[in-house]
Amino acid sequence: MAGSVKSISSPVPVTLFPTLAALMLTIGLIVTASFFIYEATSSRKTRSVAKELITGTVASVFLGFGSLFLLLASGVYV
């Protein structure tokens, strides 16, 4: 039984962690900036709740995974 045990490995190569972190954080910050610009430039009557939720969700996902890859690239394994 000990011979059939495999070690756990990442599905993403470790060398891609810094690149993925920078890419995802950049995309997340751009989407966050567009969210703030949308909130600042639209009036209360023309705002769309669906657009706000979608934009917030996309920004949150990219910033979350970007933060995860940043931690993994710096050696903090979570």
PDB file of N, CA and C in Angstrom:
ATOM      1  N   MET A   1       0.806  -1.179   0.000  1.00  0.00           N
ATOM      2  CA  MET A   1       0.000   0.000   0.000  1.00  0.00           C
ATOM      3  C   MET A   1       0.860   1.259   0.000  1.00  0.00           C
ATOM      4  N   ALA A   2       2.005   1.229   0.634  1.00  0.00           N
ATOM      5  CA  ALA A   2       2.875   2.402   0.689  1.00  0.00           C
ATOM      6  C   ALA A   2       3.461   2.710  -0.682  1.00  0.00           C
ATOM      7  N   GLY A   3       3.567   1.726  -1.545  1.00  0.00           N
ATOM      8  CA  GLY A   3       4.118   1.947  -2.876  1.00  0.00           C
ATOM      9  C   GLY A   3       3.145   2.647  -3.807  1.00  0.00           C
ATOM     10  N   SER A   4       1.854   2.591  -3.520  1.00  0.00           N
ATOM     11  CA  SER A   4       0.868   3.192  -4.413  1.00  0.00           C
ATOM     12  C   SER A   4       0.489   4.622  -4.027  1.00  0.00           C
ATOM     13  N   VAL A   5       1.109   5.143  -2.983  1.00  0.00           N
ATOM     14  CA  VAL A   5       0.786   6.494  -2.527  1.00  0.00           C
ATOM     15  C   VAL A   5       1.538   7.506  -3.385  1.00  0.00           C
ATOM     16  N   LYS A   6       0.804   8.487  -3.920  1.00  0.00           N
ATOM     17  CA  LYS A   6       1.417   9.542  -4.726  1.00  0.00           C
ATOM     18  C   LYS A   6       1.437  10.830  -3.927  1.00  0.00           C
ATOM     19  N   SER A   7       2.467  11.616  -4.150  1.00  0.00           N
ATOM     20  CA  SER A   7       2.536  12.898  -3.459  1.00  0.00           C
ATOM     21  C   SER A   7       1.574  13.889  -4.116  1.00  0.00           C
ATOM     22  N   ILE A   8       1.139  14.839  -3.339  1.00  0.00           N
ATOM     23  CA  ILE A   8       0.233  15.856  -3.844  1.00  0.00           C
ATOM     24  C   ILE A   8       1.044  16.900  -4.596  1.00  0.00           C
ATOM     25  N   SER A   9       0.609  17.235  -5.791  1.00  0.00           N
ATOM     26  CA  SER A   9       1.314  18.245  -6.573  1.00  0.00           C
ATOM     27  C   SER A   9       0.301  19.241  -7.128  1.00  0.00           C
ATOM     28  N   SER A  10       0.792  20.409  -7.433  1.00  0.00           N
ATOM     29  CA  SER A  10      -0.051  21.482  -7.936  1.00  0.00           C
ATOM     30  C   SER A  10      -0.430  21.225  -9.392  1.00  0.00           C
ATOM     31  N   PRO A  11      -1.677  21.522  -9.785  1.00  0.00           N
ATOM     32  CA  PRO A  11      -2.038  21.387 -11.196  1.00  0.00           C
ATOM     33  C   PRO A  11      -1.426  22.503 -12.047  1.00  0.00           C
ATOM     34  N   VAL A  12      -0.954  23.559 -11.394  1.00  0.00           N
ATOM     35  CA  VAL A  12      -0.308  24.676 -12.083  1.00  0.00           C
ATOM     36  C   VAL A  12       1.179  24.614 -11.758  1.00  0.00           C
ATOM     37  N   PRO A  13       2.038  24.697 -12.767  1.00  0.00           N
ATOM     38  CA  PRO A  13       3.476  24.676 -12.483  1.00  0.00           C
ATOM     39  C   PRO A  13       3.888  25.833 -11.574  1.00  0.00           C
ATOM     40  N   VAL A  14       4.809  25.550 -10.662  1.00  0.00           N
ATOM     41  CA  VAL A  14       5.250  26.535  -9.676  1.00  0.00           C
ATOM     42  C   VAL A  14       5.900  27.742 -10.356  1.00  0.00           C
ATOM     43  N   THR A  15       6.498  27.541 -11.510  1.00  0.00           N
ATOM     44  CA  THR A  15       7.155  28.645 -12.208  1.00  0.00           C
ATOM     45  C   THR A  15       6.166  29.677 -12.740  1.00  0.00           C
ATOM     46  N   LEU A  16       4.898  29.309 -12.856  1.00  0.00           N
ATOM     47  CA  LEU A  16       3.878  30.243 -13.353  1.00  0.00           C
ATOM     48  C   LEU A  16       3.221  31.063 -12.251  1.00  0.00           C
ATOM     49  N   PHE A  17       3.498  30.782 -10.987  1.00  0.00           N
ATOM     50  CA  PHE A  17       2.846  31.497  -9.884  1.00  0.00           C
ATOM     51  C   PHE A  17       3.052  33.007  -9.943  1.00  0.00           C
ATOM     52  N   PRO A  18       4.291  33.512 -10.127  1.00  0.00           N
ATOM     53  CA  PRO A  18       4.456  34.975 -10.175  1.00  0.00           C
ATOM     54  C   PRO A  18       3.737  35.622 -11.360  1.00  0.00           C
ATOM     55  N   THR A  19       3.776  34.958 -12.506  1.00  0.00           N
ATOM     56  CA  THR A  19       3.102  35.492 -13.685  1.00  0.00           C
ATOM     57  C   THR A  19       1.603  35.533 -13.491  1.00  0.00           C
ATOM     58  N   LEU A  20       1.045  34.451 -12.964  1.00  0.00           N
ATOM     59  CA  LEU A  20      -0.397  34.409 -12.712  1.00  0.00           C
ATOM     60  C   LEU A  20      -0.802  35.432 -11.665  1.00  0.00           C
ATOM     61  N   ALA A  21       0.022  35.610 -10.652  1.00  0.00           N
ATOM     62  CA  ALA A  21      -0.284  36.595  -9.613  1.00  0.00           C
ATOM     63  C   ALA A  21      -0.342  37.994 -10.211  1.00  0.00           C
ATOM     64  N   ALA A  22       0.658  38.354 -10.979  1.00  0.00           N
ATOM     65  CA  ALA A  22       0.688  39.693 -11.579  1.00  0.00           C
ATOM     66  C   ALA A  22      -0.465  39.894 -12.553  1.00  0.00           C
ATOM     67  N   LEU A  23      -0.741  38.898 -13.364  1.00  0.00           N
ATOM     68  CA  LEU A  23      -1.810  39.000 -14.356  1.00  0.00           C
ATOM     69  C   LEU A  23      -3.178  39.127 -13.695  1.00  0.00           C
ATOM     70  N   MET A  24      -3.455  38.269 -12.742  1.00  0.00           N
ATOM     71  CA  MET A  24      -4.772  38.280 -12.099  1.00  0.00           C
ATOM     72  C   MET A  24      -4.975  39.513 -11.234  1.00  0.00           C
ATOM     73  N   LEU A  25      -3.944  39.956 -10.538  1.00  0.00           N
ATOM     74  CA  LEU A  25      -4.075  41.176  -9.740  1.00  0.00           C
ATOM     75  C   LEU A  25      -4.269  42.392 -10.635  1.00  0.00           C
ATOM     76  N   THR A  26      -3.589  42.430 -11.766  1.00  0.00           N
ATOM     77  CA  THR A  26      -3.758  43.539 -12.702  1.00  0.00           C
ATOM     78  C   THR A  26      -5.180  43.579 -13.255  1.00  0.00           C
ATOM     79  N   ILE A  27      -5.675  42.430 -13.685  1.00  0.00           N
ATOM     80  CA  ILE A  27      -7.047  42.372 -14.205  1.00  0.00           C
ATOM     81  C   ILE A  27      -8.043  42.741 -13.119  1.00  0.00           C
ATOM     82  N   GLY A  28      -7.841  42.229 -11.914  1.00  0.00           N
ATOM     83  CA  GLY A  28      -8.743  42.538 -10.811  1.00  0.00           C
ATOM     84  C   GLY A  28      -8.760  44.013 -10.466  1.00  0.00           C
ATOM     85  N   LEU A  29      -7.589  44.662 -10.474  1.00  0.00           N
ATOM     86  CA  LEU A  29      -7.524  46.095 -10.186  1.00  0.00           C
ATOM     87  C   LEU A  29      -8.157  46.926 -11.289  1.00  0.00           C
ATOM     88  N   ILE A  30      -8.018  46.497 -12.536  1.00  0.00           N
ATOM     89  CA  ILE A  30      -8.656  47.207 -13.647  1.00  0.00           C
ATOM     90  C   ILE A  30     -10.177  47.105 -13.545  1.00  0.00           C
ATOM     91  N   VAL A  31     -10.682  45.909 -13.242  1.00  0.00           N
ATOM     92  CA  VAL A  31     -12.129  45.737 -13.103  1.00  0.00           C
ATOM     93  C   VAL A  31     -12.646  46.511 -11.896  1.00  0.00           C
ATOM     94  N   THR A  32     -11.879  46.539 -10.819  1.00  0.00           N
ATOM     95  CA  THR A  32     -12.264  47.322  -9.644  1.00  0.00           C
ATOM     96  C   THR A  32     -12.310  48.811  -9.981  1.00  0.00           C
ATOM     97  N   ALA A  33     -11.326  49.281 -10.729  1.00  0.00           N
ATOM     98  CA  ALA A  33     -11.313  50.690 -11.134  1.00  0.00           C
ATOM     99  C   ALA A  33     -12.515  51.017 -12.015  1.00  0.00           C
ATOM    100  N   SER A  34     -12.861  50.101 -12.925  1.00  0.00           N
ATOM    101  CA  SER A  34     -14.032  50.352 -13.770  1.00  0.00           C
ATOM    102  C   SER A  34     -15.310  50.357 -12.945  1.00  0.00           C
ATOM    103  N   PHE A  35     -15.357  49.542 -11.890  1.00  0.00           N
ATOM    104  CA  PHE A  35     -16.516  49.546 -10.996  1.00  0.00           C
ATOM    105  C   PHE A  35     -16.645  50.904 -10.292  1.00  0.00           C
ATOM    106  N   PHE A  36     -15.537  51.421  -9.767  1.00  0.00           N
ATOM    107  CA  PHE A  36     -15.583  52.713  -9.087  1.00  0.00           C
ATOM    108  C   PHE A  36     -15.924  53.844 -10.056  1.00  0.00           C
ATOM    109  N   ILE A  37     -15.398  53.790 -11.265  1.00  0.00           N
ATOM    110  CA  ILE A  37     -15.718  54.810 -12.257  1.00  0.00           C
ATOM    111  C   ILE A  37     -17.202  54.747 -12.612  1.00  0.00           C
ATOM    112  N   TYR A  38     -17.741  53.541 -12.769  1.00  0.00           N
ATOM    113  CA  TYR A  38     -19.167  53.379 -13.064  1.00  0.00           C
ATOM    114  C   TYR A  38     -20.017  53.946 -11.936  1.00  0.00           C
ATOM    115  N   GLU A  39     -19.630  53.680 -10.707  1.00  0.00           N
ATOM    116  CA  GLU A  39     -20.399  54.186  -9.563  1.00  0.00           C
ATOM    117  C   GLU A  39     -20.325  55.705  -9.461  1.00  0.00           C
ATOM    118  N   ALA A  40     -19.195  56.277  -9.809  1.00  0.00           N
ATOM    119  CA  ALA A  40     -19.024  57.717  -9.665  1.00  0.00           C
ATOM    120  C   ALA A  40     -19.682  58.503 -10.800  1.00  0.00           C
ATOM    121  N   THR A  41     -19.772  57.907 -11.979  1.00  0.00           N
ATOM    122  CA  THR A  41     -20.267  58.648 -13.130  1.00  0.00           C
ATOM    123  C   THR A  41     -21.733  58.398 -13.448  1.00  0.00           C
ATOM    124  N   SER A  42     -22.343  57.360 -12.898  1.00  0.00           N
ATOM    125  CA  SER A  42     -23.753  57.100 -13.198  1.00  0.00           C
ATOM    126  C   SER A  42     -24.631  57.683 -12.098  1.00  0.00           C
ATOM    127  N   SER A  43     -25.808  58.106 -12.522  1.00  0.00           N
ATOM    128  CA  SER A  43     -26.739  58.638 -11.528  1.00  0.00           C
ATOM    129  C   SER A  43     -27.449  57.490 -10.825  1.00  0.00           C
ATOM    130  N   ARG A  44     -28.121  57.807  -9.780  1.00  0.00           N
ATOM    131  CA  ARG A  44     -28.780  56.784  -8.979  1.00  0.00           C
ATOM    132  C   ARG A  44     -29.881  56.073  -9.773  1.00  0.00           C
ATOM    133  N   LYS A  45     -30.512  56.779 -10.700  1.00  0.00           N
ATOM    134  CA  LYS A  45     -31.610  56.202 -11.475  1.00  0.00           C
ATOM    135  C   LYS A  45     -31.134  55.340 -12.632  1.00  0.00           C
ATOM    136  N   THR A  46     -29.911  55.560 -13.106  1.00  0.00           N
ATOM    137  CA  THR A  46     -29.426  54.801 -14.270  1.00  0.00           C
ATOM    138  C   THR A  46     -28.550  53.614 -13.884  1.00  0.00           C
ATOM    139  N   ARG A  47     -28.328  53.391 -12.622  1.00  0.00           N
ATOM    140  CA  ARG A  47     -27.482  52.270 -12.199  1.00  0.00           C
ATOM    141  C   ARG A  47     -28.215  50.945 -12.363  1.00  0.00           C
ATOM    142  N   SER A  48     -27.447  49.923 -12.665  1.00  0.00           N
ATOM    143  CA  SER A  48     -27.993  48.579 -12.806  1.00  0.00           C
ATOM    144  C   SER A  48     -27.393  47.684 -11.723  1.00  0.00           C
ATOM    145  N   VAL A  49     -28.275  47.092 -10.928  1.00  0.00           N
ATOM    146  CA  VAL A  49     -27.810  46.210  -9.858  1.00  0.00           C
ATOM    147  C   VAL A  49     -27.105  44.985 -10.435  1.00  0.00           C
ATOM    148  N   ALA A  50     -27.612  44.471 -11.539  1.00  0.00           N
ATOM    149  CA  ALA A  50     -27.003  43.292 -12.156  1.00  0.00           C
ATOM    150  C   ALA A  50     -25.576  43.598 -12.607  1.00  0.00           C
ATOM    151  N   LYS A  51     -25.373  44.763 -13.236  1.00  0.00           N
ATOM    152  CA  LYS A  51     -24.025  45.132 -13.684  1.00  0.00           C
ATOM    153  C   LYS A  51     -23.088  45.313 -12.497  1.00  0.00           C
ATOM    154  N   GLU A  52     -23.584  45.897 -11.413  1.00  0.00           N
ATOM    155  CA  GLU A  52     -22.760  46.078 -10.217  1.00  0.00           C
ATOM    156  C   GLU A  52     -22.360  44.734  -9.620  1.00  0.00           C
ATOM    157  N   LEU A  53     -23.311  43.812  -9.542  1.00  0.00           N
ATOM    158  CA  LEU A  53     -23.009  42.492  -8.968  1.00  0.00           C
ATOM    159  C   LEU A  53     -22.034  41.707  -9.839  1.00  0.00           C
ATOM    160  N   ILE A  54     -22.227  41.754 -11.137  1.00  0.00           N
ATOM    161  CA  ILE A  54     -21.337  41.020 -12.042  1.00  0.00           C
ATOM    162  C   ILE A  54     -19.926  41.600 -11.989  1.00  0.00           C
ATOM    163  N   THR A  55     -19.826  42.922 -12.040  1.00  0.00           N
ATOM    164  CA  THR A  55     -18.512  43.567 -11.996  1.00  0.00           C
ATOM    165  C   THR A  55     -17.819  43.299 -10.665  1.00  0.00           C
ATOM    166  N   GLY A  56     -18.566  43.394  -9.581  1.00  0.00           N
ATOM    167  CA  GLY A  56     -17.988  43.116  -8.262  1.00  0.00           C
ATOM    168  C   GLY A  56     -17.543  41.674  -8.110  1.00  0.00           C
ATOM    169  N   THR A  57     -18.327  40.752  -8.652  1.00  0.00           N
ATOM    170  CA  THR A  57     -17.976  39.333  -8.568  1.00  0.00           C
ATOM    171  C   THR A  57     -16.717  39.026  -9.377  1.00  0.00           C
ATOM    172  N   VAL A  58     -16.648  39.567 -10.587  1.00  0.00           N
ATOM    173  CA  VAL A  58     -15.467  39.333 -11.431  1.00  0.00           C
ATOM    174  C   VAL A  58     -14.214  39.912 -10.773  1.00  0.00           C
ATOM    175  N   ALA A  59     -14.324  41.132 -10.249  1.00  0.00           N
ATOM    176  CA  ALA A  59     -13.177  41.748  -9.573  1.00  0.00           C
ATOM    177  C   ALA A  59     -12.769  40.936  -8.354  1.00  0.00           C
ATOM    178  N   SER A  60     -13.743  40.460  -7.598  1.00  0.00           N
ATOM    179  CA  SER A  60     -13.448  39.689  -6.396  1.00  0.00           C
ATOM    180  C   SER A  60     -12.752  38.373  -6.729  1.00  0.00           C
ATOM    181  N   VAL A  61     -13.200  37.703  -7.766  1.00  0.00           N
ATOM    182  CA  VAL A  61     -12.584  36.429  -8.155  1.00  0.00           C
ATOM    183  C   VAL A  61     -11.139  36.644  -8.600  1.00  0.00           C
ATOM    184  N   PHE A  62     -10.913  37.641  -9.449  1.00  0.00           N
ATOM    185  CA  PHE A  62      -9.553  37.882  -9.927  1.00  0.00           C
ATOM    186  C   PHE A  62      -8.629  38.334  -8.803  1.00  0.00           C
ATOM    187  N   LEU A  63      -9.107  39.210  -7.928  1.00  0.00           N
ATOM    188  CA  LEU A  63      -8.266  39.655  -6.816  1.00  0.00           C
ATOM    189  C   LEU A  63      -8.019  38.520  -5.816  1.00  0.00           C
ATOM    190  N   GLY A  64      -9.005  37.660  -5.625  1.00  0.00           N
ATOM    191  CA  GLY A  64      -8.828  36.526  -4.712  1.00  0.00           C
ATOM    192  C   GLY A  64      -7.795  35.533  -5.217  1.00  0.00           C
ATOM    193  N   PHE A  65      -7.925  35.134  -6.486  1.00  0.00           N
ATOM    194  CA  PHE A  65      -6.955  34.198  -7.035  1.00  0.00           C
ATOM    195  C   PHE A  65      -5.590  34.850  -7.219  1.00  0.00           C
ATOM    196  N   GLY A  66      -5.571  36.141  -7.540  1.00  0.00           N
ATOM    197  CA  GLY A  66      -4.301  36.849  -7.641  1.00  0.00           C
ATOM    198  C   GLY A  66      -3.582  36.887  -6.306  1.00  0.00           C
ATOM    199  N   SER A  67      -4.332  37.123  -5.232  1.00  0.00           N
ATOM    200  CA  SER A  67      -3.735  37.121  -3.887  1.00  0.00           C
ATOM    201  C   SER A  67      -3.234  35.728  -3.518  1.00  0.00           C
ATOM    202  N   LEU A  68      -3.993  34.707  -3.884  1.00  0.00           N
ATOM    203  CA  LEU A  68      -3.573  33.333  -3.613  1.00  0.00           C
ATOM    204  C   LEU A  68      -2.261  33.022  -4.312  1.00  0.00           C
ATOM    205  N   PHE A  69      -2.162  33.348  -5.600  1.00  0.00           N
ATOM    206  CA  PHE A  69      -0.935  33.068  -6.336  1.00  0.00           C
ATOM    207  C   PHE A  69       0.224  33.934  -5.853  1.00  0.00           C
ATOM    208  N   LEU A  70      -0.065  35.140  -5.379  1.00  0.00           N
ATOM    209  CA  LEU A  70       1.000  35.968  -4.810  1.00  0.00           C
ATOM    210  C   LEU A  70       1.553  35.334  -3.543  1.00  0.00           C
ATOM    211  N   LEU A  71       0.675  34.817  -2.697  1.00  0.00           N
ATOM    212  CA  LEU A  71       1.129  34.140  -1.491  1.00  0.00           C
ATOM    213  C   LEU A  71       1.921  32.874  -1.837  1.00  0.00           C
ATOM    214  N   LEU A  72       1.438  32.104  -2.807  1.00  0.00           N
ATOM    215  CA  LEU A  72       2.141  30.889  -3.201  1.00  0.00           C
ATOM    216  C   LEU A  72       3.503  31.216  -3.821  1.00  0.00           C
ATOM    217  N   ALA A  73       3.574  32.290  -4.602  1.00  0.00           N
ATOM    218  CA  ALA A  73       4.846  32.659  -5.239  1.00  0.00           C
ATOM    219  C   ALA A  73       5.858  33.127  -4.204  1.00  0.00           C
ATOM    220  N   SER A  74       5.391  33.706  -3.113  1.00  0.00           N
ATOM    221  CA  SER A  74       6.323  34.191  -2.091  1.00  0.00           C
ATOM    222  C   SER A  74       6.662  33.117  -1.059  1.00  0.00           C
ATOM    223  N   GLY A  75       6.108  31.920  -1.206  1.00  0.00           N
ATOM    224  CA  GLY A  75       6.482  30.814  -0.334  1.00  0.00           C
ATOM    225  C   GLY A  75       5.538  30.579   0.825  1.00  0.00           C
ATOM    226  N   VAL A  76       4.441  31.287   0.894  1.00  0.00           N
ATOM    227  CA  VAL A  76       3.453  31.072   1.944  1.00  0.00           C
ATOM    228  C   VAL A  76       2.412  30.105   1.384  1.00  0.00           C
ATOM    229  N   TYR A  77       2.484  28.862   1.788  1.00  0.00           N
ATOM    230  CA  TYR A  77       1.592  27.847   1.241  1.00  0.00           C
ATOM    231  C   TYR A  77       0.334  27.752   2.082  1.00  0.00           C
ATOM    232  N   VAL A  78      -0.779  28.105   1.457  1.00  0.00           N
ATOM    233  CA  VAL A  78      -2.063  28.132   2.153  1.00  0.00           C
ATOM    234  C   VAL A  78      -2.941  26.993   1.703  1.00  0.00           C
TER     235      VAL A  78
END
